[in-house]
């Protein structure tokens, strides 16, 4: 699958909805990681801590679960349509991505 659109609603406010456009599923997943990292940095600044940012998959999944809504459309080159995916699929894909990165070093 190639082109992907990630839909995010950060909280109950309808105005917190946005979408993020990516060239691939992998880049969309990495974009979600960047959103979490930005969120964590902002939280650290609010708390007055400036330690380096480290996190694991559990932290990332807690953040994704805290979002009001999260979904993705990914384009299938075979069928030439966008396939819809929910939070569980996104988390599964993130797990596989991170596992692959950990195994490759």
Protein backbone atom coordinates (compact mmCIF):
# COMPACT_ATOMS: atom_id res chain seq x y z
CA UNK A 1 0.00 0.00 0.00
CA UNK A 2 1.19 3.46 -0.71
CA UNK A 3 -0.44 6.84 -0.14
CA UNK A 4 -2.00 7.18 3.32
CA UNK A 5 -4.17 9.73 5.09
CA UNK A 6 -4.23 9.73 8.88
CA UNK A 7 -7.27 11.27 10.59
CA UNK A 8 -6.82 12.46 14.17
CA UNK A 9 -9.15 14.09 16.68
CA UNK A 10 -7.09 15.09 19.70
CA UNK A 11 -9.94 15.69 22.16
CA UNK A 12 -13.73 16.14 22.36
CA UNK A 13 -13.53 19.55 20.69
CA UNK A 14 -14.69 19.15 17.08
CA UNK A 15 -12.10 21.78 16.11
CA UNK A 16 -9.28 19.47 17.19
CA UNK A 17 -9.84 17.28 14.13
CA UNK A 18 -7.13 17.22 11.51
CA UNK A 19 -5.70 15.00 8.85
CA UNK A 20 -2.14 14.22 7.88
CA UNK A 21 -1.13 13.23 4.35
CA UNK A 22 1.72 10.75 3.79
CA UNK A 23 3.37 9.00 0.86
CA UNK A 24 3.24 5.57 2.54
CA UNK A 25 1.82 3.66 5.49
CA UNK A 26 5.28 3.56 7.05
CA UNK A 27 5.69 7.33 6.84
CA UNK A 28 2.18 7.75 8.32
CA UNK A 29 3.15 5.56 11.26
CA UNK A 30 6.39 7.48 11.74
CA UNK A 31 4.31 10.67 11.62
CA UNK A 32 2.21 9.38 14.52
CA UNK A 33 5.40 8.74 16.47
CA UNK A 34 6.45 12.33 15.80
CA UNK A 35 3.06 13.58 17.05
CA UNK A 36 3.59 11.65 20.27
CA UNK A 37 7.13 12.97 20.62
CA UNK A 38 5.92 16.56 20.17
CA UNK A 39 3.17 15.96 22.73
CA UNK A 40 5.69 14.52 25.21
CA UNK A 41 8.09 17.43 24.72
CA UNK A 42 5.28 19.92 25.37
CA UNK A 43 4.27 18.01 28.52
CA UNK A 44 7.88 18.05 29.71
CA UNK A 45 8.10 21.80 29.18
CA UNK A 46 4.89 22.33 31.16
CA UNK A 47 6.29 20.23 34.02
CA UNK A 48 9.62 22.03 33.88
CA UNK A 49 11.60 18.93 32.98
CA UNK A 50 13.97 19.01 30.04
CA UNK A 51 15.37 15.49 30.16
CA UNK A 52 15.95 13.66 26.91
CA UNK A 53 12.90 11.95 25.50
CA UNK A 54 12.71 8.18 25.73
CA UNK A 55 9.61 6.05 25.42
CA UNK A 56 8.46 2.56 24.63
CA UNK A 57 5.59 1.12 22.66
CA UNK A 58 3.33 1.04 25.73
CA UNK A 59 3.74 4.82 26.16
CA UNK A 60 2.98 5.39 22.49
CA UNK A 61 -0.11 3.15 22.63
CA UNK A 62 -1.40 4.95 25.75
CA UNK A 63 -1.13 8.22 23.85
CA UNK A 64 -2.94 6.78 20.82
CA UNK A 65 -5.68 5.44 23.10
CA UNK A 66 -6.06 8.89 24.67
CA UNK A 67 -6.92 10.45 21.31
CA UNK A 68 -10.62 11.05 20.79
CA UNK A 69 -10.49 9.46 17.34
CA UNK A 70 -7.83 7.91 15.14
CA UNK A 71 -8.21 6.29 11.73
CA UNK A 72 -6.35 5.87 8.48
CA UNK A 73 -7.05 5.47 4.80
CA UNK A 74 -4.37 3.67 2.82
CA UNK A 75 -4.35 3.36 -0.94
CA UNK A 76 -4.15 -0.12 -2.38
CA UNK A 77 -2.23 -0.25 -5.64
CA UNK A 78 -3.89 -3.58 -6.47
CA UNK A 79 -7.53 -2.54 -6.09
CA UNK A 80 -7.01 1.19 -6.75
CA UNK A 81 -9.13 2.19 -3.74
CA UNK A 82 -8.48 3.53 -0.26
CA UNK A 83 -8.92 0.97 2.50
CA UNK A 84 -10.17 2.25 5.88
CA UNK A 85 -8.35 1.22 9.06
CA UNK A 86 -9.08 1.82 12.72
CA UNK A 87 -7.04 2.28 15.85
CA UNK A 88 -6.38 -1.46 16.36
CA UNK A 89 -4.93 -1.84 12.86
CA UNK A 90 -2.78 1.26 13.31
CA UNK A 91 -1.40 -0.08 16.60
CA UNK A 92 -0.72 -3.47 14.99
CA UNK A 93 1.16 -1.81 12.14
CA UNK A 94 3.16 0.30 14.61
CA UNK A 95 4.07 -2.84 16.54
CA UNK A 96 5.31 -4.52 13.36
CA UNK A 97 7.24 -1.41 12.31
CA UNK A 98 8.97 -1.05 15.67
CA UNK A 99 9.68 -4.78 15.86
CA UNK A 100 11.31 -4.63 12.44
CA UNK A 101 13.42 -1.64 13.46
CA UNK A 102 14.50 -3.36 16.68
CA UNK A 103 15.48 -6.54 14.84
CA UNK A 104 17.47 -4.68 12.20
CA UNK A 105 19.53 -2.96 14.80
